[in-house]
Amino acid sequence: MGLSVRTNSAKDLYAGIGFHHSAFGVNNTSQDFLQLSVTWLPMKKLKISSSTDLDQRRYHQQYVTTISGNTTDEYIVGNINHHTTSFTFRSELFLTPELSLQFYGSPYYSVGKYDSFRRVDQASSRDINNRLEYLDVSYDASSGNYTFDRNSETLSFRNPDFSFMQFRSNLVFRWEYKLGSTLYVVWSHDRSGWESVYNPVRDITGDLFKIKGNHVFMVKLNFWFSV
């Protein structure tokens, strides 16, 4: 089910909010998505917009890994609690009809935490209790590994929890120096970080801008001529 509300987009300042909930009829399986957006035109030559996306997904049989044992391969799944938060900022400034600046920036965070690990037992069974078998796992924090016993051997897999963050932006200068002929100067920037541990988004928000980023400069020139 979903609901969205938006103000009059013909105004200089307008906003919108939308919410969507999905339930799949299985415990620990649902998705909630919330989006907020704002657009402002403080003057005819300038447009500023931003949006925020919040996504929380819970899934009961997320694939984790495949373990090769002495007698068979074990396919491991688990419950995942997955949070994604992203922000998008855009601005357009037209100095003249032929001269403009455009900016885009988007910080992005995605974190996931797993629990209730199971092995695939009867993959074709419609009954989840027959399809998946719960594992009695133990966790070693020093190595970051889960272990369990199966068919007289001890098997292990890495902690699948994760924290990912990324920032991407670009700044574009556009000059139509002659009718049909355009010069573009672009600065692109990105930075990202990954950890194989779970951290709430609120705890890592500021860490993103401490990561060393990459910078790319590009120039493109179009020249139009008639024949």
N, C-alpha and C. Protein backbone atom coordinates (compact mmCIF):
# COMPACT_ATOMS: atom_id res chain seq x y z
N MET A 1 0.84 -1.18 0.00
CA MET A 1 0.00 0.00 0.00
C MET A 1 0.88 1.24 0.00
N GLY A 2 0.37 2.34 -0.51
CA GLY A 2 1.18 3.54 -0.58
C GLY A 2 0.33 4.80 -0.50
N LEU A 3 0.99 5.89 -0.20
CA LEU A 3 0.32 7.18 -0.10
C LEU A 3 1.32 8.26 -0.47
N SER A 4 0.89 9.22 -1.28
CA SER A 4 1.77 10.33 -1.65
C SER A 4 0.97 11.62 -1.68
N VAL A 5 1.64 12.71 -1.29
CA VAL A 5 1.04 14.04 -1.27
C VAL A 5 2.04 15.01 -1.86
N ARG A 6 1.58 15.90 -2.73
CA ARG A 6 2.47 16.87 -3.37
C ARG A 6 1.75 18.21 -3.47
N THR A 7 2.50 19.28 -3.21
CA THR A 7 1.92 20.62 -3.35
C THR A 7 1.96 21.05 -4.81
N ASN A 8 1.43 22.22 -5.10
CA ASN A 8 1.30 22.72 -6.46
C ASN A 8 2.68 22.99 -7.09
N SER A 9 3.02 22.24 -8.13
CA SER A 9 4.33 22.38 -8.77
C SER A 9 4.43 23.64 -9.62
N ALA A 10 3.33 24.38 -9.76
CA ALA A 10 3.39 25.64 -10.50
C ALA A 10 3.93 26.77 -9.63
N LYS A 11 4.07 26.52 -8.33
CA LYS A 11 4.59 27.53 -7.42
C LYS A 11 6.13 27.54 -7.45
N ASP A 12 6.70 28.63 -6.93
CA ASP A 12 8.16 28.73 -6.86
C ASP A 12 8.75 27.80 -5.82
N LEU A 13 7.96 27.40 -4.83
CA LEU A 13 8.40 26.47 -3.80
C LEU A 13 7.34 25.38 -3.66
N TYR A 14 7.74 24.15 -3.90
CA TYR A 14 6.80 23.05 -3.76
C TYR A 14 7.51 21.82 -3.22
N ALA A 15 6.75 20.94 -2.62
CA ALA A 15 7.33 19.77 -1.95
C ALA A 15 6.40 18.58 -2.09
N GLY A 16 6.94 17.41 -1.78
CA GLY A 16 6.15 16.19 -1.85
C GLY A 16 6.64 15.17 -0.85
N ILE A 17 5.76 14.28 -0.45
CA ILE A 17 6.11 13.19 0.44
C ILE A 17 5.37 11.94 -0.03
N GLY A 18 6.07 10.82 -0.01
CA GLY A 18 5.45 9.58 -0.42
C GLY A 18 5.90 8.43 0.47
N PHE A 19 4.99 7.53 0.77
CA PHE A 19 5.30 6.37 1.62
C PHE A 19 4.70 5.12 0.98
N HIS A 20 5.48 4.04 1.01
CA HIS A 20 5.01 2.77 0.45
C HIS A 20 5.40 1.63 1.38
N HIS A 21 4.46 0.78 1.68
CA HIS A 21 4.70 -0.39 2.54
C HIS A 21 4.35 -1.65 1.78
N SER A 22 5.25 -2.61 1.83
CA SER A 22 5.02 -3.92 1.20
C SER A 22 5.14 -5.01 2.26
N ALA A 23 4.15 -5.87 2.35
CA ALA A 23 4.17 -7.01 3.25
C ALA A 23 4.01 -8.27 2.41
N PHE A 24 4.79 -9.31 2.74
CA PHE A 24 4.82 -10.49 1.89
C PHE A 24 4.24 -11.73 2.58
N GLY A 25 3.56 -11.54 3.71
CA GLY A 25 2.88 -12.65 4.34
C GLY A 25 3.77 -13.63 5.06
N VAL A 26 5.03 -13.27 5.29
CA VAL A 26 5.97 -14.12 6.00
C VAL A 26 6.61 -13.30 7.11
N ASN A 27 6.79 -13.92 8.27
CA ASN A 27 7.41 -13.20 9.37
C ASN A 27 8.79 -12.68 8.97
N ASN A 28 9.13 -11.48 9.46
CA ASN A 28 10.43 -10.85 9.20
C ASN A 28 10.64 -10.54 7.72
N THR A 29 9.56 -10.32 6.98
CA THR A 29 9.67 -9.97 5.57
C THR A 29 8.72 -8.82 5.25
N SER A 30 9.29 -7.64 5.02
CA SER A 30 8.49 -6.47 4.67
C SER A 30 9.44 -5.39 4.16
N GLN A 31 8.87 -4.35 3.58
CA GLN A 31 9.66 -3.23 3.09
C GLN A 31 8.88 -1.94 3.28
N ASP A 32 9.57 -0.93 3.82
CA ASP A 32 9.00 0.40 4.00
C ASP A 32 9.88 1.41 3.28
N PHE A 33 9.25 2.25 2.46
CA PHE A 33 10.00 3.23 1.68
C PHE A 33 9.36 4.60 1.87
N LEU A 34 10.19 5.59 2.21
CA LEU A 34 9.72 6.96 2.42
C LEU A 34 10.57 7.90 1.58
N GLN A 35 9.91 8.80 0.86
CA GLN A 35 10.63 9.78 0.05
C GLN A 35 10.09 11.17 0.33
N LEU A 36 11.02 12.10 0.52
CA LEU A 36 10.70 13.51 0.72
C LEU A 36 11.40 14.31 -0.36
N SER A 37 10.73 15.29 -0.94
CA SER A 37 11.35 16.10 -2.00
C SER A 37 10.92 17.55 -1.86
N VAL A 38 11.84 18.45 -2.21
CA VAL A 38 11.58 19.89 -2.16
C VAL A 38 12.23 20.53 -3.38
N THR A 39 11.52 21.44 -4.03
CA THR A 39 12.06 22.19 -5.16
C THR A 39 11.78 23.68 -4.94
N TRP A 40 12.80 24.49 -5.17
CA TRP A 40 12.69 25.93 -4.92
C TRP A 40 13.27 26.70 -6.10
N LEU A 41 12.53 27.67 -6.56
CA LEU A 41 12.99 28.58 -7.60
C LEU A 41 13.06 29.98 -7.01
N PRO A 42 14.20 30.35 -6.37
CA PRO A 42 14.30 31.67 -5.74
C PRO A 42 14.31 32.80 -6.75
N MET A 43 14.72 32.50 -7.98
CA MET A 43 14.67 33.47 -9.08
C MET A 43 14.52 32.70 -10.38
N LYS A 44 14.22 33.40 -11.44
CA LYS A 44 13.95 32.72 -12.71
C LYS A 44 15.15 31.96 -13.24
N LYS A 45 16.35 32.41 -12.89
CA LYS A 45 17.56 31.81 -13.44
C LYS A 45 18.15 30.71 -12.55
N LEU A 46 17.54 30.45 -11.40
CA LEU A 46 18.09 29.49 -10.45
C LEU A 46 17.02 28.51 -9.98
N LYS A 47 17.37 27.23 -10.02
CA LYS A 47 16.49 26.18 -9.53
C LYS A 47 17.28 25.26 -8.59
N ILE A 48 16.73 25.01 -7.41
CA ILE A 48 17.37 24.16 -6.41
C ILE A 48 16.38 23.07 -6.01
N SER A 49 16.83 21.83 -5.98
CA SER A 49 15.95 20.74 -5.58
C SER A 49 16.72 19.73 -4.74
N SER A 50 16.01 19.04 -3.89
CA SER A 50 16.62 17.99 -3.07
C SER A 50 15.59 16.91 -2.79
N SER A 51 16.08 15.72 -2.55
CA SER A 51 15.19 14.62 -2.19
C SER A 51 15.91 13.70 -1.20
N THR A 52 15.14 13.08 -0.35
CA THR A 52 15.64 12.14 0.65
C THR A 52 14.87 10.84 0.54
N ASP A 53 15.59 9.73 0.43
CA ASP A 53 14.98 8.41 0.35
C ASP A 53 15.39 7.58 1.56
N LEU A 54 14.41 7.01 2.24
CA LEU A 54 14.65 6.12 3.38
C LEU A 54 14.00 4.78 3.07
N ASP A 55 14.80 3.73 3.06
CA ASP A 55 14.32 2.40 2.68
C ASP A 55 14.74 1.40 3.75
N GLN A 56 13.78 0.72 4.33
CA GLN A 56 14.06 -0.34 5.30
C GLN A 56 13.45 -1.64 4.80
N ARG A 57 14.31 -2.64 4.62
CA ARG A 57 13.87 -3.91 4.05
C ARG A 57 14.24 -5.05 4.99
N ARG A 58 13.27 -5.89 5.27
CA ARG A 58 13.49 -7.09 6.08
C ARG A 58 13.14 -8.30 5.23
N TYR A 59 14.07 -9.24 5.17
CA TYR A 59 13.84 -10.41 4.32
C TYR A 59 14.30 -11.66 5.06
N HIS A 60 13.50 -12.72 4.97
CA HIS A 60 13.71 -13.88 5.82
C HIS A 60 14.67 -14.93 5.24
N GLN A 61 14.98 -14.86 3.96
CA GLN A 61 15.87 -15.87 3.39
C GLN A 61 16.84 -15.23 2.39
N GLN A 62 17.59 -14.25 2.87
CA GLN A 62 18.60 -13.61 2.05
C GLN A 62 19.82 -14.53 1.91
N TYR A 63 20.26 -14.74 0.69
CA TYR A 63 21.43 -15.60 0.46
C TYR A 63 22.66 -15.01 1.14
N VAL A 64 23.44 -15.86 1.81
CA VAL A 64 24.65 -15.43 2.51
C VAL A 64 25.90 -15.97 1.83
N THR A 65 25.98 -17.30 1.70
CA THR A 65 27.18 -17.89 1.10
C THR A 65 26.93 -19.36 0.80
N THR A 66 27.86 -19.96 0.07
CA THR A 66 27.87 -21.40 -0.17
C THR A 66 29.13 -21.98 0.43
N ILE A 67 28.98 -23.02 1.24
CA ILE A 67 30.12 -23.66 1.90
C ILE A 67 30.31 -25.04 1.31
N SER A 68 31.53 -25.34 0.89
CA SER A 68 31.84 -26.66 0.34
C SER A 68 32.34 -27.57 1.46
N GLY A 69 31.52 -28.58 1.82
CA GLY A 69 31.90 -29.55 2.83
C GLY A 69 32.55 -30.77 2.20
N ASN A 70 32.84 -31.74 3.02
CA ASN A 70 33.47 -32.96 2.51
C ASN A 70 32.50 -33.82 1.70
N THR A 71 31.21 -33.73 2.03
CA THR A 71 30.23 -34.59 1.37
C THR A 71 29.24 -33.82 0.51
N THR A 72 29.02 -32.56 0.82
CA THR A 72 28.02 -31.79 0.07
C THR A 72 28.27 -30.30 0.22
N ASP A 73 27.63 -29.51 -0.62
CA ASP A 73 27.68 -28.05 -0.50
C ASP A 73 26.50 -27.58 0.34
N GLU A 74 26.77 -26.65 1.21
CA GLU A 74 25.73 -26.09 2.07
C GLU A 74 25.43 -24.65 1.63
N TYR A 75 24.16 -24.38 1.35
CA TYR A 75 23.73 -23.04 0.95
C TYR A 75 23.12 -22.35 2.18
N ILE A 76 23.71 -21.25 2.56
CA ILE A 76 23.35 -20.57 3.80
C ILE A 76 22.55 -19.31 3.49
N VAL A 77 21.44 -19.14 4.19
CA VAL A 77 20.63 -17.93 4.10
C VAL A 77 20.40 -17.40 5.51
N GLY A 78 19.87 -16.19 5.60
CA GLY A 78 19.60 -15.62 6.92
C GLY A 78 18.60 -14.49 6.82
N ASN A 79 18.11 -14.07 7.97
CA ASN A 79 17.27 -12.87 8.03
C ASN A 79 18.17 -11.64 7.88
N ILE A 80 17.76 -10.70 7.06
CA ILE A 80 18.52 -9.46 6.92
C ILE A 80 17.63 -8.27 7.28
N ASN A 81 18.22 -7.35 8.00
CA ASN A 81 17.60 -6.06 8.27
C ASN A 81 18.45 -5.02 7.55
N HIS A 82 17.93 -4.51 6.44
CA HIS A 82 18.72 -3.71 5.51
C HIS A 82 18.17 -2.28 5.47
N HIS A 83 19.03 -1.32 5.80
CA HIS A 83 18.64 0.09 5.79
C HIS A 83 19.43 0.83 4.70
N THR A 84 18.72 1.61 3.91
CA THR A 84 19.37 2.44 2.89
C THR A 84 18.85 3.87 3.03
N THR A 85 19.77 4.80 3.09
CA THR A 85 19.44 6.22 3.17
C THR A 85 20.22 6.96 2.11
N SER A 86 19.55 7.78 1.32
CA SER A 86 20.25 8.54 0.29
C SER A 86 19.66 9.95 0.20
N PHE A 87 20.53 10.88 -0.15
CA PHE A 87 20.14 12.27 -0.33
C PHE A 87 20.61 12.71 -1.72
N THR A 88 19.82 13.50 -2.40
CA THR A 88 20.19 14.00 -3.72
C THR A 88 19.95 15.50 -3.77
N PHE A 89 20.99 16.23 -4.17
CA PHE A 89 20.89 17.68 -4.30
C PHE A 89 21.20 18.07 -5.75
N ARG A 90 20.38 18.95 -6.31
CA ARG A 90 20.59 19.44 -7.66
C ARG A 90 20.38 20.95 -7.69
N SER A 91 21.17 21.61 -8.50
CA SER A 91 20.95 23.05 -8.70
C SER A 91 21.33 23.40 -10.14
N GLU A 92 20.60 24.35 -10.70
CA GLU A 92 20.84 24.83 -12.07
C GLU A 92 20.82 26.35 -12.05
N LEU A 93 21.89 26.95 -12.52
CA LEU A 93 22.00 28.41 -12.58
C LEU A 93 22.28 28.82 -14.02
N PHE A 94 21.37 29.62 -14.59
CA PHE A 94 21.53 30.10 -15.95
C PHE A 94 21.96 31.57 -15.88
N LEU A 95 23.27 31.79 -16.09
CA LEU A 95 23.80 33.14 -16.07
C LEU A 95 23.28 33.93 -17.26
N THR A 96 23.24 33.27 -18.40
CA THR A 96 22.62 33.79 -19.61
C THR A 96 21.98 32.59 -20.31
N PRO A 97 21.19 32.79 -21.35
CA PRO A 97 20.64 31.64 -22.06
C PRO A 97 21.72 30.71 -22.62
N GLU A 98 22.93 31.24 -22.84
CA GLU A 98 24.00 30.44 -23.43
C GLU A 98 24.99 29.93 -22.38
N LEU A 99 24.92 30.43 -21.16
CA LEU A 99 25.92 30.14 -20.13
C LEU A 99 25.22 29.61 -18.88
N SER A 100 25.61 28.40 -18.42
CA SER A 100 24.94 27.81 -17.26
C SER A 100 25.90 26.98 -16.42
N LEU A 101 25.52 26.79 -15.15
CA LEU A 101 26.22 25.92 -14.21
C LEU A 101 25.21 24.93 -13.65
N GLN A 102 25.61 23.67 -13.56
CA GLN A 102 24.75 22.64 -12.99
C GLN A 102 25.54 21.84 -11.96
N PHE A 103 24.91 21.57 -10.81
CA PHE A 103 25.56 20.78 -9.77
C PHE A 103 24.67 19.63 -9.37
N TYR A 104 25.32 18.47 -9.13
CA TYR A 104 24.63 17.29 -8.63
C TYR A 104 25.48 16.68 -7.53
N GLY A 105 24.87 16.36 -6.39
CA GLY A 105 25.58 15.70 -5.29
C GLY A 105 24.67 14.72 -4.59
N SER A 106 25.23 13.54 -4.24
CA SER A 106 24.38 12.51 -3.65
C SER A 106 25.17 11.64 -2.68
N PRO A 107 25.02 11.87 -1.35
CA PRO A 107 25.55 10.91 -0.37
C PRO A 107 24.60 9.73 -0.23
N TYR A 108 25.17 8.53 -0.05
CA TYR A 108 24.39 7.30 -0.05
C TYR A 108 24.94 6.38 1.04
N TYR A 109 24.03 5.79 1.82
CA TYR A 109 24.42 4.88 2.90
C TYR A 109 23.56 3.62 2.82
N SER A 110 24.21 2.46 2.96
CA SER A 110 23.49 1.20 2.94
C SER A 110 24.14 0.26 3.96
N VAL A 111 23.36 -0.18 4.95
CA VAL A 111 23.89 -1.04 6.01
C VAL A 111 22.96 -2.23 6.19
N GLY A 112 23.55 -3.37 6.58
CA GLY A 112 22.75 -4.57 6.75
C GLY A 112 23.23 -5.41 7.91
N LYS A 113 22.29 -6.00 8.61
CA LYS A 113 22.60 -6.87 9.74
C LYS A 113 21.84 -8.18 9.58
N TYR A 114 22.54 -9.31 9.78
CA TYR A 114 21.96 -10.64 9.60
C TYR A 114 21.79 -11.36 10.93
N ASP A 115 20.80 -12.25 10.97
CA ASP A 115 20.65 -13.17 12.10
C ASP A 115 19.83 -14.37 11.63
N SER A 116 19.55 -15.30 12.54
CA SER A 116 18.72 -16.49 12.26
C SER A 116 19.20 -17.21 11.00
N PHE A 117 20.42 -17.69 11.01
CA PHE A 117 20.99 -18.36 9.84
C PHE A 117 20.40 -19.76 9.69
N ARG A 118 20.19 -20.14 8.42
CA ARG A 118 19.62 -21.44 8.09
C ARG A 118 20.33 -22.01 6.86
N ARG A 119 20.23 -23.31 6.72
CA ARG A 119 20.75 -23.97 5.53
C ARG A 119 19.57 -24.44 4.68
N VAL A 120 19.77 -24.47 3.37
CA VAL A 120 18.73 -24.96 2.48
C VAL A 120 18.71 -26.48 2.57
N ASP A 121 17.56 -27.02 2.98
CA ASP A 121 17.43 -28.46 3.17
C ASP A 121 16.66 -29.09 2.02
N GLN A 122 15.42 -28.63 1.81
CA GLN A 122 14.59 -29.14 0.71
C GLN A 122 14.19 -27.93 -0.15
N ALA A 123 15.00 -27.62 -1.12
CA ALA A 123 14.86 -26.38 -1.88
C ALA A 123 13.52 -26.27 -2.60
N SER A 124 12.91 -27.38 -2.99
CA SER A 124 11.66 -27.33 -3.77
C SER A 124 10.41 -27.33 -2.88
N SER A 125 10.57 -27.43 -1.58
CA SER A 125 9.42 -27.50 -0.69
C SER A 125 8.75 -26.13 -0.57
N ARG A 126 7.42 -26.10 -0.58
CA ARG A 126 6.67 -24.87 -0.41
C ARG A 126 6.60 -24.45 1.05
N ASP A 127 6.75 -25.40 1.94
CA ASP A 127 6.73 -25.12 3.37
C ASP A 127 8.11 -24.66 3.80
N ILE A 128 8.19 -23.41 4.30
CA ILE A 128 9.49 -22.87 4.65
C ILE A 128 10.14 -23.66 5.77
N ASN A 129 9.35 -24.28 6.63
CA ASN A 129 9.91 -25.07 7.73
C ASN A 129 10.61 -26.32 7.22
N ASN A 130 10.19 -26.83 6.07
CA ASN A 130 10.86 -27.97 5.46
C ASN A 130 11.98 -27.53 4.52
N ARG A 131 11.77 -26.36 3.91
CA ARG A 131 12.76 -25.87 2.94
C ARG A 131 14.07 -25.45 3.60
N LEU A 132 13.96 -24.86 4.79
CA LEU A 132 15.13 -24.33 5.48
C LEU A 132 15.27 -24.95 6.86
N GLU A 133 16.50 -25.21 7.25
CA GLU A 133 16.79 -25.78 8.57
C GLU A 133 17.63 -24.79 9.36
N TYR A 134 17.18 -24.45 10.56
CA TYR A 134 17.92 -23.51 11.41
C TYR A 134 19.27 -24.10 11.81
N LEU A 135 20.26 -23.22 11.87
CA LEU A 135 21.61 -23.64 12.27
C LEU A 135 21.91 -23.15 13.68
N ASP A 136 22.55 -23.99 14.44
CA ASP A 136 23.02 -23.62 15.77
C ASP A 136 24.45 -23.10 15.61
N VAL A 137 24.56 -21.79 15.39
CA VAL A 137 25.87 -21.20 15.08
C VAL A 137 26.47 -20.57 16.33
N SER A 138 27.79 -20.49 16.33
CA SER A 138 28.52 -19.74 17.36
C SER A 138 29.39 -18.72 16.64
N TYR A 139 29.59 -17.59 17.29
CA TYR A 139 30.30 -16.48 16.65
C TYR A 139 31.59 -16.17 17.39
N ASP A 140 32.67 -16.05 16.63
CA ASP A 140 33.97 -15.66 17.17
C ASP A 140 34.26 -14.24 16.72
N ALA A 141 34.15 -13.29 17.65
CA ALA A 141 34.32 -11.88 17.30
C ALA A 141 35.73 -11.57 16.83
N SER A 142 36.73 -12.28 17.34
CA SER A 142 38.12 -11.99 16.97
C SER A 142 38.40 -12.31 15.51
N SER A 143 37.78 -13.37 14.99
CA SER A 143 38.00 -13.76 13.59
C SER A 143 36.88 -13.28 12.68
N GLY A 144 35.73 -12.92 13.27
CA GLY A 144 34.58 -12.51 12.47
C GLY A 144 33.91 -13.66 11.76
N ASN A 145 34.02 -14.89 12.31
CA ASN A 145 33.46 -16.07 11.66
C ASN A 145 32.35 -16.70 12.50
N TYR A 146 31.33 -17.21 11.79
CA TYR A 146 30.33 -18.07 12.40
C TYR A 146 30.71 -19.52 12.11
N THR A 147 30.49 -20.41 13.08
CA THR A 147 30.78 -21.83 12.88
C THR A 147 29.57 -22.66 13.30
N PHE A 148 29.45 -23.84 12.69
CA PHE A 148 28.40 -24.79 13.06
C PHE A 148 28.87 -26.19 12.67
N ASP A 149 28.28 -27.20 13.27
CA ASP A 149 28.63 -28.60 12.99
C ASP A 149 27.59 -29.21 12.07
N ARG A 150 28.12 -29.95 11.08
CA ARG A 150 27.23 -30.60 10.10
C ARG A 150 27.92 -31.83 9.54
N ASN A 151 27.25 -32.99 9.63
CA ASN A 151 27.80 -34.25 9.10
C ASN A 151 29.20 -34.52 9.65
N SER A 152 29.34 -34.38 10.97
CA SER A 152 30.59 -34.70 11.68
C SER A 152 31.75 -33.81 11.28
N GLU A 153 31.48 -32.65 10.75
CA GLU A 153 32.55 -31.69 10.46
C GLU A 153 32.10 -30.29 10.87
N THR A 154 33.08 -29.46 11.13
CA THR A 154 32.81 -28.09 11.53
C THR A 154 32.99 -27.17 10.33
N LEU A 155 31.93 -26.42 10.02
CA LEU A 155 31.95 -25.51 8.88
C LEU A 155 31.86 -24.08 9.39
N SER A 156 32.39 -23.15 8.60
CA SER A 156 32.38 -21.75 9.03
C SER A 156 32.12 -20.83 7.85
N PHE A 157 31.65 -19.62 8.17
CA PHE A 157 31.45 -18.59 7.15
C PHE A 157 31.64 -17.23 7.80
N ARG A 158 32.01 -16.26 6.98
CA ARG A 158 32.28 -14.92 7.48
C ARG A 158 30.99 -14.22 7.90
N ASN A 159 31.13 -13.32 8.85
CA ASN A 159 30.01 -12.48 9.24
C ASN A 159 29.59 -11.63 8.04
N PRO A 160 28.36 -11.79 7.56
CA PRO A 160 27.94 -11.07 6.35
C PRO A 160 27.48 -9.63 6.60
N ASP A 161 27.46 -9.17 7.86
CA ASP A 161 27.05 -7.79 8.13
C ASP A 161 27.90 -6.81 7.33
N PHE A 162 27.33 -5.66 6.99
CA PHE A 162 28.09 -4.70 6.18
C PHE A 162 27.63 -3.28 6.43
N SER A 163 28.53 -2.34 6.12
CA SER A 163 28.23 -0.91 6.13
C SER A 163 28.90 -0.31 4.91
N PHE A 164 28.11 0.31 4.05
CA PHE A 164 28.64 0.90 2.82
C PHE A 164 28.18 2.35 2.73
N MET A 165 29.10 3.22 2.30
CA MET A 165 28.75 4.62 2.11
C MET A 165 29.46 5.15 0.88
N GLN A 166 28.81 6.09 0.21
CA GLN A 166 29.36 6.63 -1.04
C GLN A 166 28.85 8.04 -1.27
N PHE A 167 29.71 8.85 -1.85
CA PHE A 167 29.30 10.21 -2.24
C PHE A 167 29.75 10.43 -3.68
N ARG A 168 28.82 10.91 -4.50
CA ARG A 168 29.13 11.23 -5.89
C ARG A 168 28.63 12.63 -6.20
N SER A 169 29.41 13.37 -6.96
CA SER A 169 28.98 14.72 -7.33
C SER A 169 29.62 15.11 -8.65
N ASN A 170 29.01 16.06 -9.33
CA ASN A 170 29.63 16.63 -10.52
C ASN A 170 29.15 18.06 -10.69
N LEU A 171 30.00 18.84 -11.28
CA LEU A 171 29.73 20.25 -11.57
C LEU A 171 29.99 20.46 -13.05
N VAL A 172 28.99 20.99 -13.75
CA VAL A 172 29.08 21.13 -15.21
C VAL A 172 28.95 22.60 -15.60
N PHE A 173 29.95 23.09 -16.30
CA PHE A 173 29.90 24.43 -16.89
C PHE A 173 29.59 24.27 -18.38
N ARG A 174 28.53 24.95 -18.84
CA ARG A 174 28.11 24.82 -20.24
C ARG A 174 28.08 26.20 -20.88
N TRP A 175 28.73 26.28 -22.03
CA TRP A 175 28.77 27.56 -22.76
C TRP A 175 28.49 27.30 -24.24
N GLU A 176 27.38 27.81 -24.71
CA GLU A 176 27.07 27.73 -26.14
C GLU A 176 27.67 28.98 -26.80
N TYR A 177 28.96 28.86 -27.15
CA TYR A 177 29.70 30.03 -27.63
C TYR A 177 29.30 30.43 -29.05
N LYS A 178 28.62 29.54 -29.75
CA LYS A 178 28.14 29.81 -31.08
C LYS A 178 26.90 28.96 -31.29
N LEU A 179 25.95 29.44 -32.03
CA LEU A 179 24.71 28.72 -32.22
C LEU A 179 24.99 27.28 -32.67
N GLY A 180 24.59 26.31 -31.84
CA GLY A 180 24.81 24.91 -32.15
C GLY A 180 26.16 24.38 -31.72
N SER A 181 27.07 25.24 -31.25
CA SER A 181 28.41 24.83 -30.81
C SER A 181 28.53 25.08 -29.31
N THR A 182 28.96 24.05 -28.56
CA THR A 182 28.93 24.11 -27.11
C THR A 182 30.22 23.60 -26.49
N LEU A 183 30.63 24.28 -25.44
CA LEU A 183 31.78 23.86 -24.65
C LEU A 183 31.28 23.39 -23.29
N TYR A 184 31.73 22.18 -22.86
CA TYR A 184 31.41 21.66 -21.54
C TYR A 184 32.71 21.47 -20.76
N VAL A 185 32.72 21.95 -19.52
CA VAL A 185 33.81 21.69 -18.59
C VAL A 185 33.20 21.01 -17.37
N VAL A 186 33.68 19.80 -17.03
CA VAL A 186 33.05 18.98 -16.00
C VAL A 186 34.06 18.61 -14.92
N TRP A 187 33.65 18.80 -13.67
CA TRP A 187 34.42 18.28 -12.54
C TRP A 187 33.58 17.20 -11.87
N SER A 188 34.12 15.98 -11.78
CA SER A 188 33.41 14.86 -11.17
C SER A 188 34.19 14.37 -9.95
N HIS A 189 33.47 14.08 -8.89
CA HIS A 189 34.10 13.66 -7.64
C HIS A 189 33.34 12.49 -7.05
N ASP A 190 34.09 11.51 -6.49
CA ASP A 190 33.43 10.41 -5.79
C ASP A 190 34.33 9.89 -4.68
N ARG A 191 33.70 9.32 -3.67
CA ARG A 191 34.42 8.68 -2.56
C ARG A 191 33.51 7.60 -2.00
N SER A 192 34.08 6.51 -1.50
CA SER A 192 33.26 5.43 -0.96
C SER A 192 34.05 4.65 0.08
N GLY A 193 33.32 3.99 0.97
CA GLY A 193 33.94 3.18 2.01
C GLY A 193 33.08 1.96 2.32
N TRP A 194 33.73 0.87 2.70
CA TRP A 194 33.05 -0.39 2.99
C TRP A 194 33.66 -0.99 4.24
N GLU A 195 32.80 -1.52 5.12
CA GLU A 195 33.25 -2.27 6.28
C GLU A 195 32.40 -3.51 6.42
N SER A 196 33.01 -4.62 6.81
CA SER A 196 32.28 -5.87 6.97
C SER A 196 31.73 -5.98 8.40
N VAL A 197 31.19 -4.89 8.89
CA VAL A 197 30.49 -4.84 10.18
C VAL A 197 29.26 -3.97 10.00
N TYR A 198 28.31 -4.14 10.90
CA TYR A 198 27.10 -3.32 10.85
C TYR A 198 27.27 -2.08 11.71
N ASN A 199 26.99 -0.93 11.13
CA ASN A 199 26.96 0.33 11.86
C ASN A 199 25.66 1.05 11.50
N PRO A 200 24.91 1.53 12.48
CA PRO A 200 23.72 2.31 12.14
C PRO A 200 24.10 3.53 11.29
N VAL A 201 23.23 3.90 10.36
CA VAL A 201 23.53 5.01 9.46
C VAL A 201 23.86 6.28 10.24
N ARG A 202 23.15 6.53 11.34
CA ARG A 202 23.38 7.76 12.11
C ARG A 202 24.80 7.82 12.68
N ASP A 203 25.45 6.65 12.86
CA ASP A 203 26.79 6.63 13.44
C ASP A 203 27.89 6.85 12.41
N ILE A 204 27.59 6.71 11.14
CA ILE A 204 28.63 6.82 10.11
C ILE A 204 28.40 7.97 9.14
N THR A 205 27.37 8.77 9.40
CA THR A 205 27.04 9.86 8.47
C THR A 205 28.23 10.76 8.21
N GLY A 206 28.90 11.20 9.27
CA GLY A 206 30.03 12.11 9.11
C GLY A 206 31.30 11.46 8.63
N ASP A 207 31.41 10.13 8.77
CA ASP A 207 32.63 9.43 8.36
C ASP A 207 32.85 9.47 6.86
N LEU A 208 31.77 9.63 6.11
CA LEU A 208 31.88 9.60 4.65
C LEU A 208 32.84 10.68 4.14
N PHE A 209 32.80 11.85 4.74
CA PHE A 209 33.58 12.97 4.23
C PHE A 209 35.01 12.99 4.78
N LYS A 210 35.36 11.95 5.53
CA LYS A 210 36.75 11.78 5.97
C LYS A 210 37.53 10.85 5.04
N ILE A 211 36.81 10.23 4.11
CA ILE A 211 37.43 9.30 3.17
C ILE A 211 38.06 10.08 2.01
N LYS A 212 39.24 9.65 1.60
CA LYS A 212 39.90 10.29 0.47
C LYS A 212 39.12 9.99 -0.81
N GLY A 213 38.87 11.02 -1.60
CA GLY A 213 38.07 10.86 -2.81
C GLY A 213 38.88 10.94 -4.09
N ASN A 214 38.20 10.73 -5.18
CA ASN A 214 38.79 10.81 -6.52
C ASN A 214 38.22 12.01 -7.26
N HIS A 215 39.05 12.66 -8.06
CA HIS A 215 38.63 13.83 -8.83
C HIS A 215 38.93 13.61 -10.31
N VAL A 216 37.98 13.92 -11.14
CA VAL A 216 38.15 13.78 -12.58
C VAL A 216 37.69 15.07 -13.25
N PHE A 217 38.52 15.60 -14.14
CA PHE A 217 38.16 16.79 -14.91
C PHE A 217 38.06 16.41 -16.38
N MET A 218 37.00 16.89 -17.02
CA MET A 218 36.77 16.56 -18.42
C MET A 218 36.36 17.82 -19.18
N VAL A 219 36.77 17.86 -20.44
CA VAL A 219 36.40 18.97 -21.32
C VAL A 219 35.85 18.38 -22.61
N LYS A 220 34.71 18.89 -23.03
CA LYS A 220 34.09 18.44 -24.28
C LYS A 220 33.73 19.66 -25.11
N LEU A 221 34.10 19.61 -26.38
CA LEU A 221 33.84 20.73 -27.28
C LEU A 221 33.07 20.23 -28.50
N ASN A 222 31.92 20.82 -28.72
CA ASN A 222 31.12 20.53 -29.92
C ASN A 222 31.16 21.73 -30.84
N PHE A 223 31.37 21.46 -32.12
CA PHE A 223 31.38 22.55 -33.11
C PHE A 223 30.43 22.19 -34.23
N TRP A 224 29.48 23.06 -34.47
CA TRP A 224 28.50 22.82 -35.52
C TRP A 224 28.85 23.60 -36.77
N PHE A 225 28.82 22.93 -37.89
CA PHE A 225 29.02 23.64 -39.15
C PHE A 225 28.11 23.03 -40.20
N SER A 226 27.69 23.82 -41.13
CA SER A 226 26.77 23.36 -42.16
C SER A 226 27.54 23.04 -43.43
N VAL A 227 27.01 22.11 -44.20
CA VAL A 227 27.64 21.75 -45.46
C VAL A 227 26.62 21.87 -46.58
